[in-house]
Every structure is written in C-alpha cells, then in structure tokens.
Amino acid sequence: MASAGLGLSEHEQKGCRELLELLRTDDLISLTDTVTNRLVQPNNRQEAIHNILLYTQSAEELLKRKKVIRDIIFKYLTSKGIIVSPSSEKHQLINHAKNYWCGQLQDREKPNKKIPEEEGKQDGGKQRRDKQEHNKEYHKLGEEFCQWYFAILNSQNPLYGESPKEWGPQHFWGDVVLKFCYNTAEQNVEEYSGAELVSLRLLSLVKDEYLCLNPNLDCGGLKCTVTPHGIVVVAVAGTVHRNTCCMGIFEQIFFLIRCPYRENTWKIKCVILKIVGQSALEPGTPLERPCIKYEQEELQELALVVPHRF
C-alpha cells in the first residue's frame, strides 16, 4: 500500500519537481496512479506533481519509473548545463541527476565563489576541455548519421550499382517536415509534411532523377550541435552528381530526436535541403566549395524556430 514519506531532500524535491514539469499532463496523472496505488486522484498538473513527490521514497525510485523516460532526464540535465553524452543510457543519466542534486555536479549557470586565479585558470581549462569533448561526441554522432543516411539514400539510385538498402518512413518521426529549395534555371521551394511524403520525395531525387548526393564530411562540410531540449542538429554540405557529371552542390540540415523506445536510435524530425545547380550560375562562375557557414548557435536557433514555420 502506498504511504507518504519524507525520502527526498530539499534539493531532490526541487530537482524532481522541475523534472516532472517536463512531463505531459496525462503522463503525470498516470504516474500519480502508479505511485499512490490509485488512492489519490489529482485534479490538475500541480496536484499530480505534489502527490508524486509526497509518496516517492527516493529520487532514484522516481527516476526509474517508466513514465520518466530517458529523454526527459537528458532534457533536464541539458537545461541545467550538465554536459552528458548523447549516447548515455538511462541509468547513466540517473546517476548524473542524483550527483547533481547532491552537489557533486555543478550547474554552469550557478555563480561560483571567488577562487584563486591559478585555480580559476585550471578550472577554465577543464571546462574548455569538457566542452571540446562534448562537441566531439556530437560531431561523431553526426558523422555516423551522415554515413548511414547517404549510404541508404544513394543505394536507391539505379545507376549506383548497389542493392537498395532499407529506406522508408520508419526513419522519420510521423510529423516530420521537409523544406526543399533548389536553384537550377530558376529558384523553387517545395514543402512536405508526414513521414510517408517526406521519405517518398527524398527517394524520388535518387530513384527517379538519378541524383547522387556526395557529402563532404571533412574541411568544414559538417557541423553538429545540440539544443537545450536535446534536439541534435546535423548540417552537412556536398556535391550533387548524375552518373559521372557533377550537377551542383547541396546543403542539408537534419534535426534529430532520440527515440525513447529503442536504445541509441535517432529519428529525423525536420529536413532542410538546398541544391544549387551549375545551370543557376553565371557562365564561367566556378562552384563554391561545399561547406557549412552556419555557426553552432545559429543551428540551435534554427532547430527551435524552423519547424514551427511550416
């Protein structure tokens, strides 16, 4: 039988409350039923959160609940400035959250007490190294994603000489959006929504139009970052080919969200694809070297704004 207890410290209560605010209302109601054995029927979100905290014996117990999915903990930690690997499993994120609430991890936004200059330099150097390692994690994720994505997509080209790999709407979220801009003789913009339509439009580029997209994963052709909400942004540039001819260059930006039901699986939430053909250039004008000119902060802003414009 459920019983109220005082198992959470003040810091844990505050942290758990902030984390629970990230859950949907129906998940909060369901979690209240589980924690209280259906003995309490909350009337709103705040009552649900209050009762969940009241009847929870420990922070770890709450974090291990099925309704508290991995992405919620990841989003909470990221909002607090805690650097964690995007490939971290739920039990690892639980440990990060517990350590943070115990004061063993420091919020980047929390003001620090004055420390000796030399010690401050050492801490600053460690933070820079941590940030560099963090960026490397996402860059590696982006590189692996691009290798996977373009291998599958290009394999659908009848001229590619390979057996088609598994392509379809299963790689996209159901409400995915695609903005496709192409500039050949004139500039055109197409917009699509839904996993089926988006996957079919991208497929037609290689299967029906015989294009091959060759990403430049070196020398500024790939940039990756993550938003405070856990959306991974992968921006890649490259060249467009048909058979042995170079037709132009492309820039493609993906917004990826981790699937909460399958470990280490990401699905595409939004795609922005721009193609510039040689025919769009003035005679004698060479193609630009394919590279990403966005800064990481600009890519994060795109992830927060662009999907809502469709």
Protein backbone atom coordinates (compact mmCIF):
# COMPACT_ATOMS: atom_id res chain seq x y z
CA MET A 1 0.00 0.00 0.00
CA ALA A 2 1.31 3.47 -0.88
CA SER A 3 2.48 5.60 2.01
CA ALA A 4 3.66 9.17 2.26
CA GLY A 5 7.23 9.67 3.23
CA LEU A 6 9.99 12.22 3.54
CA GLY A 7 12.51 10.37 1.42
CA LEU A 8 13.57 13.35 -0.72
CA SER A 9 15.98 16.04 0.37
CA GLU A 10 15.21 19.68 -0.31
CA HIS A 11 17.48 19.72 -3.37
CA GLU A 12 15.99 16.46 -4.64
CA GLN A 13 12.45 17.74 -4.22
CA LYS A 14 13.28 20.89 -6.16
CA GLY A 15 15.05 18.93 -8.91
CA CYS A 16 12.34 16.28 -9.17
CA ARG A 17 9.67 18.97 -9.34
CA GLU A 18 11.47 20.71 -12.22
CA LEU A 19 11.93 17.40 -13.99
CA LEU A 20 8.27 16.42 -13.55
CA GLU A 21 7.23 19.74 -15.10
CA LEU A 22 8.68 18.39 -18.37
CA LEU A 23 6.19 15.51 -18.46
CA ARG A 24 2.87 15.69 -20.27
CA THR A 25 -0.23 16.02 -18.09
CA ASP A 26 -1.56 12.55 -18.96
CA ASP A 27 1.79 11.03 -18.03
CA LEU A 28 1.73 12.87 -14.70
CA ILE A 29 -1.76 11.53 -13.94
CA SER A 30 -0.68 8.01 -14.86
CA LEU A 31 2.46 8.33 -12.73
CA THR A 32 0.35 9.53 -9.78
CA ASP A 33 -1.81 6.41 -10.11
CA THR A 34 1.30 4.23 -10.04
CA VAL A 35 2.99 5.97 -7.12
CA THR A 36 -0.16 6.16 -4.94
CA ASN A 37 -1.72 2.84 -6.00
CA ARG A 38 -4.67 4.88 -7.37
CA LEU A 39 -5.52 6.14 -3.87
CA VAL A 40 -5.21 9.80 -4.92
CA GLN A 41 -6.99 11.40 -7.88
CA PRO A 42 -5.36 14.76 -8.75
CA ASN A 43 -7.42 17.49 -10.38
CA ASN A 44 -4.56 19.18 -12.22
CA ARG A 45 -0.83 19.04 -13.00
CA GLN A 46 0.32 20.71 -9.81
CA GLU A 47 -1.70 18.35 -7.61
CA ALA A 48 -0.27 15.41 -9.53
CA ILE A 49 3.32 16.63 -9.04
CA HIS A 50 2.66 17.34 -5.34
CA ASN A 51 1.35 13.83 -4.72
CA ILE A 52 4.10 12.14 -6.73
CA LEU A 53 6.72 13.91 -4.62
CA LEU A 54 4.81 13.22 -1.40
CA TYR A 55 4.59 9.47 -2.00
CA THR A 56 8.04 8.98 -3.54
CA GLN A 57 10.55 7.35 -1.19
CA SER A 58 13.73 8.25 -3.10
CA ALA A 59 14.93 10.20 -6.13
CA GLU A 60 16.24 7.03 -7.75
CA GLU A 61 12.84 5.35 -7.35
CA LEU A 62 11.18 8.23 -9.22
CA LEU A 63 13.79 8.43 -11.97
CA LYS A 64 13.46 4.71 -12.67
CA ARG A 65 9.71 4.98 -13.32
CA LYS A 66 8.73 4.07 -16.90
CA LYS A 67 6.95 7.38 -17.44
CA VAL A 68 10.20 9.22 -16.65
CA ILE A 69 11.78 8.30 -19.97
CA ARG A 70 15.44 8.74 -20.80
CA ASP A 71 14.84 11.83 -22.96
CA ILE A 72 13.14 13.68 -20.10
CA ILE A 73 16.18 13.21 -17.85
CA PHE A 74 18.50 14.18 -20.72
CA LYS A 75 16.47 17.33 -21.40
CA TYR A 76 16.51 18.26 -17.70
CA LEU A 77 20.28 17.81 -17.36
CA THR A 78 20.94 19.78 -20.54
CA SER A 79 18.75 22.64 -19.29
CA LYS A 80 20.93 22.75 -16.18
CA GLY A 81 24.12 22.97 -18.20
CA ILE A 82 25.24 19.46 -17.29
CA ILE A 83 27.27 18.04 -20.16
CA VAL A 84 26.32 14.43 -20.90
CA SER A 85 26.99 12.22 -23.87
CA PRO A 86 24.04 11.95 -26.31
CA SER A 87 24.54 8.18 -26.29
CA SER A 88 24.20 7.90 -22.49
CA GLU A 89 21.81 5.23 -21.28
CA LYS A 90 19.05 5.97 -18.78
CA HIS A 91 20.89 4.52 -15.77
CA GLN A 92 23.87 6.77 -16.53
CA LEU A 93 21.64 9.84 -16.72
CA ILE A 94 20.01 8.85 -13.42
CA ASN A 95 23.44 8.86 -11.78
CA HIS A 96 24.18 12.31 -13.26
CA ALA A 97 20.90 13.68 -11.89
CA LYS A 98 21.47 12.20 -8.42
CA ASN A 99 25.02 13.56 -8.32
CA TYR A 100 23.79 16.98 -9.42
CA TRP A 101 21.19 17.10 -6.66
CA CYS A 102 23.83 16.01 -4.14
CA GLY A 103 26.08 18.87 -5.22
CA GLN A 104 28.69 16.68 -6.88
CA LEU A 105 27.95 18.21 -10.30
CA GLN A 106 27.84 21.96 -10.72
CA ASP A 107 25.31 23.96 -12.71
CA ARG A 108 27.21 26.06 -15.23
CA GLU A 109 24.88 29.00 -14.58
CA LYS A 110 25.35 28.92 -10.80
CA PRO A 111 27.71 31.68 -9.64
CA ASN A 112 30.95 30.37 -8.20
CA LYS A 113 32.66 31.59 -5.09
CA LYS A 114 35.85 33.53 -5.64
CA ILE A 115 38.78 31.22 -6.20
CA PRO A 116 42.49 31.85 -6.60
CA GLU A 117 43.50 32.99 -10.10
CA GLU A 118 45.68 29.96 -10.80
CA GLU A 119 42.93 27.57 -9.69
CA GLY A 120 40.47 29.51 -11.84
CA LYS A 121 42.70 29.05 -14.87
CA GLN A 122 42.82 25.32 -14.22
CA ASP A 123 39.03 25.14 -13.88
CA GLY A 124 38.60 27.22 -17.03
CA GLY A 125 40.91 24.90 -18.91
CA LYS A 126 38.95 21.86 -17.68
CA GLN A 127 35.65 23.42 -18.78
CA ARG A 128 37.08 24.11 -22.23
CA ARG A 129 38.32 20.53 -22.48
CA ASP A 130 34.92 19.23 -21.34
CA LYS A 131 33.19 21.37 -23.96
CA GLN A 132 35.57 20.15 -26.65
CA GLU A 133 34.89 16.53 -25.67
CA HIS A 134 31.16 17.29 -25.69
CA ASN A 135 31.41 18.76 -29.21
CA LYS A 136 33.42 15.75 -30.36
CA GLU A 137 30.65 13.42 -29.16
CA TYR A 138 28.05 15.20 -31.27
CA HIS A 139 30.38 15.56 -34.25
CA LYS A 140 30.98 11.81 -34.15
CA LEU A 141 27.24 11.19 -33.93
CA GLY A 142 26.64 13.50 -36.90
CA GLU A 143 29.37 11.85 -38.96
CA GLU A 144 27.99 8.36 -38.27
CA PHE A 145 24.47 9.54 -39.10
CA CYS A 146 25.57 11.05 -42.44
CA GLN A 147 27.48 7.92 -43.42
CA TRP A 148 24.39 5.84 -42.67
CA TYR A 149 21.84 8.20 -44.26
CA PHE A 150 23.60 8.89 -47.56
CA ALA A 151 24.62 5.25 -48.00
CA ILE A 152 20.97 4.19 -47.70
CA LEU A 153 19.61 7.03 -49.85
CA ASN A 154 22.18 6.72 -52.66
CA SER A 155 21.72 2.95 -52.80
CA GLN A 156 18.22 3.61 -54.21
CA ASN A 157 19.80 5.11 -57.38
CA PRO A 158 19.54 2.56 -60.24
CA LEU A 159 22.88 3.82 -61.58
CA TYR A 160 24.64 3.42 -58.21
CA GLY A 161 25.44 -0.24 -58.76
CA GLU A 162 24.40 -1.49 -55.32
CA SER A 163 21.44 -3.39 -53.95
CA PRO A 164 18.95 -0.91 -52.45
CA LYS A 165 19.16 -0.74 -48.66
CA GLU A 166 16.15 -0.36 -46.38
CA TRP A 167 14.64 3.08 -46.94
CA GLY A 168 11.23 4.30 -45.84
CA PRO A 169 9.10 6.34 -43.43
CA GLN A 170 10.35 4.30 -40.45
CA HIS A 171 13.43 6.54 -40.29
CA PHE A 172 11.31 9.67 -39.72
CA TRP A 173 9.00 10.93 -37.00
CA GLY A 174 5.34 10.88 -38.06
CA ASP A 175 5.11 14.71 -38.11
CA VAL A 176 8.45 15.25 -39.88
CA VAL A 177 8.67 18.26 -42.21
CA LEU A 178 10.81 18.81 -45.32
CA LYS A 179 11.72 22.12 -46.91
CA PHE A 180 13.33 21.56 -50.29
CA CYS A 181 14.87 24.53 -52.12
CA TYR A 182 16.52 24.04 -55.48
CA ASN A 183 18.00 26.62 -57.78
CA THR A 184 18.61 25.45 -61.33
CA ALA A 185 17.24 27.65 -64.13
CA GLU A 186 15.02 29.31 -61.52
CA GLN A 187 14.53 29.11 -57.76
CA ASN A 188 11.91 26.69 -56.45
CA VAL A 189 10.67 25.81 -52.96
CA GLU A 190 8.73 22.69 -52.00
CA GLU A 191 7.37 21.79 -48.56
CA TYR A 192 6.15 18.42 -47.33
CA SER A 193 4.95 17.02 -44.02
CA GLY A 194 4.46 13.47 -42.77
CA ALA A 195 6.87 10.56 -42.80
CA GLU A 196 5.41 8.95 -45.94
CA LEU A 197 5.50 12.06 -48.14
CA VAL A 198 8.92 13.21 -46.93
CA SER A 199 10.54 9.82 -47.45
CA LEU A 200 8.99 9.49 -50.94
CA ARG A 201 10.14 12.97 -52.04
CA LEU A 202 13.71 12.34 -50.94
CA LEU A 203 13.60 8.89 -52.54
CA SER A 204 12.47 10.34 -55.89
CA LEU A 205 15.60 12.50 -56.07
CA VAL A 206 17.84 9.47 -56.41
CA LYS A 207 15.48 6.82 -57.79
CA ASP A 208 13.64 8.89 -60.41
CA GLU A 209 16.02 11.79 -61.06
CA TYR A 210 19.16 9.62 -60.79
CA LEU A 211 20.94 12.07 -58.45
CA CYS A 212 23.70 11.04 -56.09
CA LEU A 213 24.44 13.20 -53.03
CA ASN A 214 28.10 13.05 -52.01
CA PRO A 215 28.59 14.60 -48.52
CA ASN A 216 31.78 16.44 -47.60
CA LEU A 217 32.44 15.18 -44.08
CA ASP A 218 35.79 16.98 -43.82
CA CYS A 219 37.12 20.53 -44.13
CA GLY A 220 34.08 22.42 -42.85
CA GLY A 221 31.49 20.32 -44.65
CA LEU A 222 29.94 19.01 -41.42
CA LYS A 223 28.80 20.82 -38.29
CA CYS A 224 26.81 19.38 -35.39
CA THR A 225 25.31 20.73 -32.19
CA VAL A 226 22.51 20.07 -29.69
CA THR A 227 19.76 22.32 -28.32
CA PRO A 228 18.91 22.58 -24.61
CA HIS A 229 15.92 20.33 -25.36
CA GLY A 230 18.08 17.52 -26.72
CA ILE A 231 17.46 18.06 -30.45
CA VAL A 232 20.63 17.16 -32.34
CA VAL A 233 21.29 19.37 -35.37
CA VAL A 234 23.43 17.94 -38.18
CA ALA A 235 24.37 20.27 -41.04
CA VAL A 236 26.26 18.82 -44.00
CA ALA A 237 27.33 20.10 -47.41
CA GLY A 238 28.47 18.25 -50.50
CA THR A 239 28.24 17.79 -54.25
CA VAL A 240 25.38 16.54 -56.42
CA HIS A 241 26.14 14.08 -59.22
CA ARG A 242 24.28 12.30 -62.02
CA ASN A 243 26.25 9.38 -63.32
CA THR A 244 29.75 10.85 -63.99
CA CYS A 245 28.68 14.53 -64.13
CA CYS A 246 28.81 16.97 -61.23
CA MET A 247 25.49 18.79 -61.31
CA GLY A 248 25.98 21.23 -58.43
CA ILE A 249 26.28 21.46 -54.64
CA PHE A 250 23.89 20.86 -51.77
CA GLU A 251 23.40 21.81 -48.15
CA GLN A 252 21.24 19.63 -45.90
CA ILE A 253 20.27 20.22 -42.28
CA PHE A 254 18.72 17.49 -40.16
CA PHE A 255 17.01 17.83 -36.78
CA LEU A 256 17.25 14.52 -34.93
CA ILE A 257 15.33 13.41 -31.85
CA ARG A 258 16.22 10.28 -29.95
CA CYS A 259 13.62 7.51 -29.92
CA PRO A 260 12.64 6.82 -26.27
CA TYR A 261 11.62 3.24 -27.01
CA ARG A 262 14.77 1.99 -28.73
CA GLU A 263 18.28 2.41 -27.35
CA ASN A 264 20.73 4.52 -29.35
CA THR A 265 18.18 5.16 -32.11
CA TRP A 266 17.53 8.60 -33.60
CA LYS A 267 14.76 9.64 -35.98
CA ILE A 268 14.57 12.62 -38.32
CA LYS A 269 12.23 15.38 -37.14
CA CYS A 270 12.93 18.01 -39.80
CA VAL A 271 14.95 18.30 -43.02
CA ILE A 272 16.08 21.41 -44.89
CA LEU A 273 17.63 20.61 -48.27
CA LYS A 274 19.08 23.21 -50.64
CA ILE A 275 20.51 22.35 -54.05
CA VAL A 276 22.27 24.83 -56.32
CA GLY A 277 22.84 23.58 -59.86
CA GLN A 278 25.58 24.71 -62.18
CA SER A 279 22.94 26.00 -64.58
CA ALA A 280 21.94 28.60 -61.96
CA LEU A 281 25.39 30.19 -62.07
CA GLU A 282 26.69 32.80 -64.47
CA PRO A 283 28.77 31.28 -67.30
CA GLY A 284 32.35 30.76 -66.16
CA THR A 285 31.48 31.03 -62.45
CA PRO A 286 33.05 28.13 -60.55
CA LEU A 287 31.04 26.20 -57.98
CA GLU A 288 31.73 27.16 -54.38
CA ARG A 289 33.49 24.67 -52.20
CA PRO A 290 30.72 22.87 -50.29
CA CYS A 291 30.91 23.92 -46.65
CA ILE A 292 28.61 24.86 -43.78
CA LYS A 293 28.71 28.56 -42.97
CA TYR A 294 26.33 28.44 -40.01
CA GLU A 295 27.75 28.84 -36.51
CA GLN A 296 26.63 26.34 -33.88
CA GLU A 297 24.48 28.95 -32.13
CA GLU A 298 22.67 29.68 -35.41
CA LEU A 299 21.98 25.99 -35.94
CA GLN A 300 20.47 25.76 -32.45
CA GLU A 301 18.19 28.73 -33.20
CA LEU A 302 17.09 27.06 -36.45
CA ALA A 303 16.06 23.94 -34.55
CA LEU A 304 13.87 25.99 -32.23
CA VAL A 305 12.25 28.17 -34.93
CA VAL A 306 12.17 26.49 -38.35
CA PRO A 307 9.80 23.51 -37.71
CA HIS A 308 7.11 25.91 -36.47
CA ARG A 309 7.20 27.93 -39.71
CA PHE A 310 5.88 25.14 -41.92
